[in-house]
Protein backbone atom coordinates (compact mmCIF):
# COMPACT_ATOMS: atom_id res chain seq x y z
CA MET A 1 -58.76 73.55 103.89
CA ASN A 2 -57.27 70.08 104.34
CA LYS A 3 -53.82 70.20 106.02
CA LEU A 4 -52.47 67.53 103.65
CA PHE A 5 -53.70 69.57 100.71
CA LEU A 6 -51.97 72.67 102.11
CA PHE A 7 -48.78 70.69 102.52
CA PHE A 8 -48.78 69.66 98.86
CA ILE A 9 -49.46 73.24 97.74
CA LEU A 10 -46.56 74.49 99.86
CA PHE A 11 -44.30 71.68 98.63
CA PHE A 12 -45.20 72.43 95.02
CA ALA A 13 -44.59 76.16 95.49
CA LEU A 14 -41.21 75.60 97.12
CA ASN A 15 -40.25 73.14 94.39
CA ILE A 16 -41.10 75.66 91.67
CA LYS A 17 -39.10 78.35 93.48
CA ALA A 18 -36.10 76.01 93.75
CA GLN A 19 -36.34 75.30 90.06
CA GLU A 20 -36.65 78.95 89.08
CA GLU A 21 -33.62 80.07 91.08
CA PHE A 22 -31.39 78.22 88.61
CA GLY A 23 -31.07 80.51 85.61
CA LEU A 24 -30.89 79.20 82.05
CA GLY A 25 -30.90 81.60 79.11
CA LEU A 26 -29.72 79.66 76.07
CA LEU A 27 -31.68 80.05 72.85
CA LEU A 28 -32.12 76.71 71.07
CA ASP A 29 -33.78 77.89 67.86
CA ASP A 30 -32.07 75.85 65.13
CA SER A 31 -32.08 78.84 62.77
CA LEU A 32 -29.57 80.55 65.09
CA TYR A 33 -27.12 77.69 64.56
CA PHE A 34 -27.65 77.11 60.85
CA ASP A 35 -24.34 78.66 59.75
CA ARG A 36 -22.28 77.38 62.68
CA PRO A 37 -18.74 76.20 61.86
CA VAL A 38 -18.62 72.41 61.95
CA ALA A 39 -15.74 70.00 62.40
CA ALA A 40 -14.44 67.92 59.52
CA PRO A 41 -15.14 64.22 60.12
CA LEU A 42 -11.97 62.34 60.94
CA MET A 43 -11.42 58.74 59.89
CA ARG A 44 -12.87 56.10 62.20
CA GLY A 45 -9.42 55.05 63.38
CA ASP A 46 -8.84 58.47 64.92
CA TYR A 47 -11.53 57.68 67.49
CA ALA A 48 -10.56 54.04 68.06
CA ASP A 49 -7.78 54.31 70.63
CA LEU A 50 -8.91 57.09 72.92
CA PRO A 51 -7.88 56.80 76.58
CA GLU A 52 -10.60 55.43 78.85
CA SER A 53 -10.71 58.73 80.72
CA ALA A 54 -9.57 62.33 80.42
CA SER A 55 -10.11 65.37 82.62
CA LEU A 56 -9.53 69.12 82.55
CA LYS A 57 -10.89 69.57 86.08
CA GLN A 58 -7.55 70.65 87.53
CA PHE A 59 -7.66 73.65 85.17
CA THR A 60 -11.18 74.81 86.01
CA PRO A 61 -11.97 77.85 88.14
CA THR A 62 -14.19 77.44 91.20
CA PRO A 63 -17.77 77.03 89.90
CA GLY A 64 -19.70 80.30 90.12
CA SER A 65 -23.41 81.06 90.07
CA GLN A 66 -25.34 82.88 87.37
CA GLY A 67 -28.23 83.27 89.79
CA PRO A 68 -31.75 83.46 88.32
CA TYR A 69 -30.49 85.18 85.18
CA GLY A 70 -30.21 84.13 81.54
CA THR A 71 -26.43 84.43 81.33
CA CYS A 72 -25.35 80.79 80.90
CA ALA A 73 -23.74 81.44 77.51
CA GLY A 74 -21.34 83.92 79.10
CA TRP A 75 -20.56 81.62 82.01
CA SER A 76 -19.95 78.49 79.95
CA THR A 77 -17.85 80.10 77.21
CA ALA A 78 -15.92 82.82 79.04
CA TYR A 79 -15.81 81.92 82.73
CA SER A 80 -15.42 78.17 82.17
CA ALA A 81 -14.00 77.29 78.74
CA ARG A 82 -11.85 80.38 78.16
CA THR A 83 -10.41 80.19 81.66
CA ILE A 84 -9.60 76.49 81.22
CA LEU A 85 -7.67 77.20 78.02
CA GLU A 86 -5.67 79.96 79.68
CA ALA A 87 -4.91 77.76 82.69
CA LEU A 88 -3.80 74.95 80.39
CA LYS A 89 -1.48 77.25 78.48
CA ASN A 90 0.14 78.56 81.66
CA ASN A 91 -0.16 75.35 83.70
CA TRP A 92 -1.96 77.23 86.47
CA GLN A 93 -3.46 75.51 89.50
CA GLY A 94 -5.91 76.38 92.29
CA THR A 95 -6.28 80.00 93.40
CA ILE A 96 -4.14 81.26 90.51
CA ILE A 97 -6.84 80.05 88.14
CA ASP A 98 -9.58 81.80 90.12
CA SER A 99 -7.66 85.08 90.09
CA ASN A 100 -7.29 84.82 86.31
CA SER A 101 -10.80 83.65 85.41
CA PHE A 102 -12.76 85.44 82.70
CA SER A 103 -15.85 87.56 83.18
CA PRO A 104 -19.18 86.16 81.91
CA SER A 105 -20.65 89.68 81.87
CA PHE A 106 -18.05 91.09 79.51
CA VAL A 107 -19.33 88.69 76.85
CA TYR A 108 -23.01 88.57 77.80
CA ASN A 109 -23.46 92.34 78.14
CA GLN A 110 -22.37 92.82 74.54
CA ILE A 111 -24.48 90.10 72.91
CA ARG A 112 -27.73 90.43 74.91
CA ILE A 113 -30.90 91.71 73.31
CA SER A 114 -32.30 93.56 76.35
CA ASN A 115 -30.51 95.82 78.83
CA ASP A 116 -30.85 93.42 81.74
CA CYS A 117 -29.71 89.87 82.45
CA LYS A 118 -33.05 88.18 81.82
CA GLY A 119 -32.91 87.62 78.08
CA GLY A 120 -31.37 84.59 76.40
CA THR A 121 -28.58 84.43 73.86
CA SER A 122 -27.19 81.81 71.49
CA LEU A 123 -23.87 80.04 71.95
CA ILE A 124 -22.91 81.16 68.47
CA ASP A 125 -23.07 84.82 69.52
CA ALA A 126 -20.94 84.16 72.60
CA LEU A 127 -18.33 82.11 70.76
CA ASN A 128 -18.14 84.52 67.85
CA PHE A 129 -17.56 87.32 70.33
CA LEU A 130 -14.68 85.44 71.98
CA LYS A 131 -13.17 84.79 68.57
CA ASP A 132 -13.55 88.33 67.25
CA PHE A 133 -13.01 90.40 70.40
CA GLY A 134 -11.69 88.18 73.19
CA GLY A 135 -12.44 88.11 76.90
CA LEU A 136 -11.74 90.28 79.93
CA LYS A 137 -10.69 88.95 83.32
CA PHE A 138 -13.28 88.62 86.08
CA ASN A 139 -11.23 90.81 88.42
CA GLU A 140 -11.48 93.60 85.84
CA PHE A 141 -15.16 93.36 84.87
CA GLY A 142 -16.87 91.04 87.35
CA TYR A 143 -20.45 89.80 87.04
CA ASP A 144 -22.38 93.02 86.56
CA CYS A 145 -25.38 93.46 84.26
CA SER A 146 -25.37 97.23 84.56
CA ARG A 147 -21.77 97.78 83.54
CA ASP A 148 -20.99 99.31 80.15
CA VAL A 149 -17.99 98.23 78.12
CA THR A 150 -15.34 100.85 77.44
CA THR A 151 -12.82 101.17 74.65
CA GLN A 152 -10.10 100.36 77.16
CA ASP A 153 -11.94 97.17 78.15
CA LYS A 154 -12.08 96.06 74.52
CA SER A 155 -8.40 96.76 74.01
CA LYS A 156 -7.43 94.60 77.00
CA ALA A 157 -9.72 91.79 75.87
CA SER A 158 -8.29 91.53 72.35
CA VAL A 159 -5.20 89.61 73.48
CA TYR A 160 -7.46 86.82 74.77
CA ARG A 161 -9.25 86.00 71.54
CA ILE A 162 -9.73 82.31 70.81
CA ILE A 163 -8.48 81.11 67.44
CA GLU A 164 -11.51 79.01 66.46
CA TYR A 165 -14.52 77.06 67.66
CA ARG A 166 -16.46 74.31 65.89
CA ASP A 167 -19.47 72.07 66.38
CA LEU A 168 -18.24 68.51 66.83
CA ILE A 169 -21.47 66.66 66.08
CA ALA A 170 -23.81 66.57 63.12
CA SER A 171 -27.49 66.92 63.97
CA ASN A 172 -28.28 63.45 62.62
CA VAL A 173 -25.56 61.65 64.59
CA VAL A 174 -26.94 59.22 67.15
CA GLN A 175 -23.78 58.42 69.14
CA LYS A 176 -22.29 61.84 69.83
CA SER A 177 -20.03 60.84 72.70
CA ARG A 178 -16.94 59.76 70.76
CA PHE A 179 -16.51 63.14 69.07
CA VAL A 180 -16.62 64.99 72.39
CA LYS A 181 -14.30 62.46 74.02
CA LYS A 182 -11.76 63.06 71.25
CA SER A 183 -11.76 66.79 71.95
CA LEU A 184 -11.35 66.32 75.70
CA ALA A 185 -8.56 63.79 75.18
CA GLU A 186 -6.80 66.44 73.09
CA GLY A 187 -7.06 68.93 75.97
CA ARG A 188 -9.91 71.12 74.77
CA PRO A 189 -13.07 71.97 76.69
CA VAL A 190 -16.44 71.54 75.02
CA VAL A 191 -19.41 73.86 75.55
CA ILE A 192 -22.76 72.24 74.86
CA ALA A 193 -26.25 73.48 74.17
CA MET A 194 -28.63 71.16 75.94
CA ASP A 195 -32.39 70.86 76.32
CA CYS A 196 -32.71 71.07 80.09
CA PRO A 197 -35.35 69.19 82.13
CA TYR A 198 -36.21 70.46 85.60
CA SER A 199 -34.64 67.37 87.16
CA LEU A 200 -31.14 68.70 86.40
CA GLY A 201 -31.64 71.16 89.26
CA ARG A 202 -31.92 68.26 91.70
CA ALA A 203 -28.77 66.47 90.48
CA LYS A 204 -26.11 65.39 92.95
CA GLU A 205 -22.94 63.55 91.91
CA VAL A 206 -24.59 62.07 88.83
CA TRP A 207 -27.69 63.33 87.07
CA ILE A 208 -30.37 60.65 86.72
CA PRO A 209 -33.17 62.08 84.56
CA ASP A 210 -36.76 61.19 85.42
CA SER A 211 -38.41 58.67 83.14
CA SER A 212 -40.68 61.46 81.89
CA ASP A 213 -37.73 63.72 80.96
CA TYR A 214 -37.03 62.16 77.57
CA LYS A 215 -38.96 64.61 75.46
CA ASP A 216 -38.57 68.08 73.95
CA TRP A 217 -38.47 70.65 76.75
CA GLY A 218 -37.44 73.77 74.85
CA ARG A 219 -35.42 74.91 77.87
CA GLY A 220 -31.93 75.75 76.62
CA HIS A 221 -28.92 75.73 78.89
CA ALA A 222 -25.21 76.13 78.10
CA ILE A 223 -22.84 74.05 80.18
CA THR A 224 -19.17 73.05 79.88
CA VAL A 225 -17.91 69.48 79.49
CA ILE A 226 -14.58 69.10 81.29
CA GLY A 227 -13.92 65.35 81.31
CA TYR A 228 -15.10 61.81 80.70
CA ASP A 229 -14.65 58.34 82.16
CA ASP A 230 -15.69 55.14 80.38
CA LYS A 231 -15.94 53.24 83.66
CA LYS A 232 -17.76 55.80 85.79
CA PHE A 233 -21.53 55.26 85.93
CA GLY A 234 -21.28 53.00 82.90
CA GLY A 235 -19.56 55.75 80.92
CA ALA A 236 -20.17 59.43 81.60
CA PHE A 237 -19.09 63.02 81.01
CA GLU A 238 -18.26 65.41 83.83
CA LEU A 239 -19.92 68.81 83.46
CA MET A 240 -19.08 72.15 85.07
CA ASN A 241 -22.21 74.22 85.62
CA SER A 242 -22.92 77.85 86.54
CA TRP A 243 -25.34 77.15 89.39
CA GLY A 244 -22.88 77.57 92.24
CA LYS A 245 -20.95 75.15 94.45
CA SER A 246 -24.04 73.99 96.36
CA TRP A 247 -25.49 72.40 93.22
CA GLY A 248 -24.43 68.92 92.12
CA LYS A 249 -21.19 67.93 93.76
CA GLY A 250 -19.33 71.19 94.33
CA GLY A 251 -20.76 72.69 91.14
CA PHE A 252 -19.98 69.65 88.95
CA VAL A 253 -22.09 66.68 87.87
CA TRP A 254 -21.67 63.49 85.85
CA MET A 255 -23.93 62.80 82.86
CA LYS A 256 -24.18 59.35 81.31
CA TYR A 257 -23.21 59.02 77.65
CA SER A 258 -26.72 57.85 76.72
CA ASP A 259 -28.30 60.91 78.35
CA PHE A 260 -25.72 63.16 76.71
CA ASP A 261 -26.69 61.75 73.32
CA PHE A 262 -30.35 62.56 74.00
CA PHE A 263 -30.21 65.99 75.64
CA CYS A 264 -27.19 67.56 73.90
CA LYS A 265 -28.16 69.56 70.80
CA TYR A 266 -24.81 71.15 69.87
CA ALA A 267 -21.29 70.58 71.19
CA PHE A 268 -18.68 73.24 70.49
CA GLU A 269 -14.98 72.59 70.87
CA VAL A 270 -13.22 75.80 71.94
CA ILE A 271 -9.71 76.23 70.53
CA ASP A 272 -6.96 78.52 71.78
CA LYS A 273 -4.09 79.26 69.42
CA SER A 274 -1.43 79.34 72.11
CA ALA A 275 -2.59 75.97 73.43
CA THR A 276 -2.13 74.29 70.04
CA GLU A 277 1.33 75.51 69.14
CA SER A 278 3.87 72.72 68.73
CA ALA A 279 7.61 72.38 68.46
CA LEU A 280 9.26 72.84 65.10
CA PRO A 281 8.71 71.75 62.39
CA ASP A 282 5.38 73.50 62.67
CA LEU A 283 3.75 72.35 59.42
CA SER A 284 3.79 68.77 58.17
CA GLY A 285 1.49 66.23 56.60
CA THR A 286 0.97 63.15 54.50
CA LEU A 287 -1.08 62.43 51.36
CA SER A 288 -2.03 59.00 50.09
CA PHE A 289 -3.45 58.10 46.66
CA GLU A 290 -4.57 54.51 46.09
CA THR A 291 -6.61 53.00 43.24
CA SER A 292 -9.77 51.07 43.98
CA SER A 293 -7.83 47.87 43.27
CA GLY A 294 -5.42 48.67 46.10
CA GLU A 295 -2.47 49.94 44.03
CA GLU A 296 -0.48 52.80 45.55
CA MET A 297 -0.29 55.65 43.03
CA LYS A 298 3.41 56.37 43.53
CA SER A 299 4.88 59.67 42.46
CA THR A 300 8.20 61.49 42.16
CA PHE A 301 9.04 65.00 43.30
CA ASN A 302 10.36 67.10 40.40
CA GLY A 303 11.74 69.93 42.52
CA ASN A 304 8.46 71.85 42.66
CA TYR A 305 5.64 69.31 42.82
CA PHE A 306 4.82 65.61 42.57
CA VAL A 307 4.07 63.72 39.33
CA THR A 308 2.72 60.17 39.27
CA ASP A 309 5.15 57.53 38.01
CA ASN A 310 2.42 55.73 36.03
CA THR A 311 -0.24 56.96 33.64
CA TYR A 312 -3.80 55.90 34.49
CA PRO A 313 -6.97 55.46 32.42
CA SER A 314 -9.46 58.33 32.65
CA GLY A 315 -12.26 57.29 34.92
CA THR A 316 -9.92 55.50 37.35
CA LEU A 317 -11.37 55.28 40.83
CA PHE A 318 -9.02 56.10 43.68
CA GLU A 319 -8.94 56.75 47.42
CA LEU A 320 -7.49 60.00 48.75
CA ARG A 321 -6.36 60.37 52.35
CA ILE A 322 -4.83 63.49 53.88
CA SER A 323 -3.34 64.14 57.30
CA ASN A 324 -1.55 66.84 59.23
CA ASN A 325 0.83 66.33 62.14
CA GLU A 326 0.57 69.81 63.66
CA PRO A 327 -2.49 72.06 63.96
CA ALA A 328 -3.10 73.75 60.62
CA TYR A 329 -5.68 75.11 58.23
CA VAL A 330 -5.89 72.62 55.39
CA TYR A 331 -7.47 73.26 51.98
CA SER A 332 -7.61 71.23 48.79
CA PHE A 333 -8.89 71.73 45.28
CA SER A 334 -8.49 69.98 41.96
CA SER A 335 -8.15 71.02 38.34
CA ASP A 336 -7.26 69.73 34.88
CA LEU A 337 -5.74 71.14 31.73
CA THR A 338 -8.70 73.54 31.37
CA TYR A 339 -7.56 75.06 34.72
CA LYS A 340 -11.10 75.16 36.02
CA THR A 341 -10.90 74.57 39.81
CA TYR A 342 -13.08 72.40 42.07
CA LYS A 343 -12.97 72.57 45.85
CA ILE A 344 -12.62 69.18 47.53
CA PHE A 345 -11.82 70.20 51.12
CA PRO A 346 -13.42 71.57 53.24
CA PHE A 347 -16.49 69.71 51.96
CA THR A 348 -19.03 72.45 52.76
CA LYS A 349 -19.12 76.20 53.31
CA THR A 350 -19.66 75.80 57.04
CA MET A 351 -16.99 73.14 57.57
CA LEU A 352 -13.96 74.58 59.36
CA ALA A 353 -10.64 74.10 57.56
CA TYR A 354 -8.74 74.21 60.83
CA LEU A 355 -7.60 70.75 61.97
CA PRO A 356 -6.45 71.38 65.54
CA TYR A 357 -5.04 68.05 66.71
CA ARG A 358 -1.51 66.76 66.37
CA GLN A 359 -2.77 63.95 64.16
CA ASN A 360 -5.84 64.40 61.95
CA ASN A 361 -6.74 61.89 59.23
CA ILE A 362 -9.33 62.81 56.61
CA ALA A 363 -10.76 60.63 53.84
CA ILE A 364 -11.84 62.55 50.73
CA PRO A 365 -14.77 62.46 50.14
CA ASP A 366 -15.26 59.77 52.86
CA GLU A 367 -14.12 56.27 53.80
CA GLU A 368 -16.81 54.56 51.71
CA SER A 369 -16.40 56.55 48.47
CA TYR A 370 -13.86 56.93 45.67
CA ASN A 371 -12.62 59.84 43.60
CA LEU A 372 -12.83 59.68 39.82
CA LEU A 373 -10.17 60.80 37.34
CA ASP A 374 -11.88 63.18 34.92
CA GLN A 375 -12.32 62.59 31.19
CA THR A 376 -10.08 65.50 30.11
CA THR A 377 -7.06 63.43 29.12
CA GLY A 378 -3.52 64.53 29.88
CA SER A 379 -3.24 65.52 33.53
CA SER A 380 -5.35 66.16 36.59
CA TYR A 381 -4.03 68.33 39.41
CA TYR A 382 -4.65 68.11 43.12
CA CYS A 383 -3.51 71.06 45.18
CA PHE A 384 -3.22 70.96 48.99
CA LEU A 385 -2.52 74.06 51.05
CA TYR A 386 -1.32 73.68 54.64
CA SER A 387 -1.47 77.05 56.35
CA LYS A 388 -0.78 78.69 59.73
CA ARG A 389 -3.68 81.07 59.16
CA ALA A 390 -7.12 80.99 57.57
CA LEU A 391 -7.20 81.52 53.81
CA ASP A 392 -9.91 82.80 51.46
CA ILE A 393 -9.85 79.61 49.45
CA ASP A 394 -12.67 80.66 47.10
CA SER A 395 -10.77 83.79 46.12
CA ILE A 396 -7.55 81.82 45.67
CA MET A 397 -9.26 79.30 43.37
CA SER A 398 -10.91 82.04 41.32
CA THR A 399 -7.60 83.89 40.89
CA VAL A 400 -5.78 80.69 39.92
CA GLU A 401 -8.30 80.21 37.11
CA SER A 402 -7.67 83.71 35.75
CA GLU A 403 -3.86 83.57 35.93
CA ASN A 404 -1.51 82.56 33.12
CA GLY A 405 1.10 79.83 33.02
CA THR A 406 1.25 76.25 34.23
CA PHE A 407 -0.87 75.18 37.17
CA TRP A 408 2.16 75.32 39.49
CA GLU A 409 3.06 78.80 38.25
CA ARG A 410 -0.50 79.99 38.81
CA ILE A 411 -0.57 78.70 42.39
CA THR A 412 2.80 80.15 43.36
CA HIS A 413 1.95 83.49 41.79
CA VAL A 414 -1.35 83.73 43.68
CA LEU A 415 0.13 82.72 47.05
CA GLY A 416 3.20 84.89 46.52
CA GLU A 417 5.10 85.90 49.65
CA ASP A 418 2.95 83.71 51.90
CA ILE A 419 4.67 80.53 50.67
CA VAL A 420 7.19 79.06 53.09
CA ASP A 421 10.74 79.30 51.74
CA LYS A 422 11.63 76.20 49.76
CA LYS A 423 14.81 75.72 51.75
CA ASN A 424 12.63 75.25 54.85
CA ILE A 425 10.45 72.50 53.33
CA GLU A 426 11.42 68.87 52.97
CA TYR A 427 9.26 66.92 50.50
CA LYS A 428 9.34 63.11 50.36
CA SER A 429 7.66 60.48 48.23
CA ASP A 430 7.54 56.74 48.72
CA ASN A 431 4.23 54.88 48.83
CA SER A 432 2.77 58.14 50.10
CA ILE A 433 3.65 61.82 49.80
CA SER A 434 4.84 63.70 52.86
CA PHE A 435 6.42 66.99 53.83
CA SER A 436 7.70 68.82 56.89
CA ALA A 437 8.38 72.52 57.12
CA PHE A 438 9.65 75.32 59.34
CA SER A 439 7.31 78.19 58.49
CA GLU A 440 9.32 80.93 60.24
CA ASP A 441 7.75 84.21 59.07
CA LYS A 442 5.75 82.59 56.25
CA SER A 443 2.43 80.76 56.45
CA VAL A 444 1.58 78.37 53.58
CA VAL A 445 3.05 75.13 52.24
CA PRO A 446 1.60 74.15 48.85
CA VAL A 447 1.66 70.47 47.86
CA LEU A 448 0.73 69.87 44.23
CA VAL A 449 0.19 66.42 42.73
CA GLU A 450 -0.11 65.86 38.98
CA ILE A 451 -1.84 62.63 37.98
CA LYS A 452 -1.16 61.65 34.37
CA HIS A 453 -3.99 59.86 32.58
CA PHE A 454 -5.11 58.87 29.09
């Protein structure tokens, strides 16, 4: 046999072996992600003034290796993202982070389909597990496919539950980078589901895909985004992988924004409650009503809720903008004198009501559309609930409809003891409506606006 031919066979065999030693394991079937919680779209201005770079690298543990196994979901969510959040909260550095990192096996072993480490999992399963049950430290559970989880393990893990996670990008969005940059600038790691070409295994400081890589590979891999830099490599994200320190540059690699937009399928922001707590007041926000002609719909606070100063024609078009200044669950629904309720935020069943940044601005229904005053003359009501915890908004709306009394009386009766004491809420009205509150042992601030119309 020709020596040159033998050389190419040997080279090909070694190349395949090198590729196979990097485990993957993420399932990319879209049906697995159909009901994923998604982020509410912020107004364009919220993405306009982001810093040119941001990094969480100082809070990462030393990159580990998943070996040839299908455990990337456990590594990216627990070992990387969950550890970063805990390090951020405690301002840990260096070896302290490594000694407090989270076990990928504790998550993976409880969501896997088979009894070994070969089978793949979805990011949804891993993130749901961290939200519902928490994580266990690496020094307590390690990286061990054969280890069973005990009741004591589960009890220890429960204190490390994340508060929420959410997909930052819609499937039809072309430029995904700005949404992920916003999350990183706010100090939150992002775990992505990517379609992984073989060339990623050969990456050094920056991954340069082969020209033939831009296609559907069907090779899912979960990896953690820990920073970005608009000036580096023409604009790129820094990724922390689970292929060991000898891969990339010490276990990290840069990925250009354009390649991110192509290969990233889902991008999940991971949110830790303790990392989002802010100084008092701990609930506050602003509401703005403006007609399509540009007139501010001013209102006056009557001691319980706001009533517009002017009366408007039915069918009036108006813009509605809401914001919150501290992380909060925000809900909104409307009604009229029939007391039938209509949900207006979140927009969909899968959209997460939690707005985790210090400043979130939402246009309802969006920045290009108006709301319409209904034809039931008299009054229309817009109710906004700012809450420290998740609410069953569908149940609240249904109960409000079945209650007796005025709309305000119905709302306060349904929310009951959860409403923040009135003495701890300051309501203001000028061109816009605003409030600030000290929740103390309560959880919900209701803001009701009555719009009079004929």
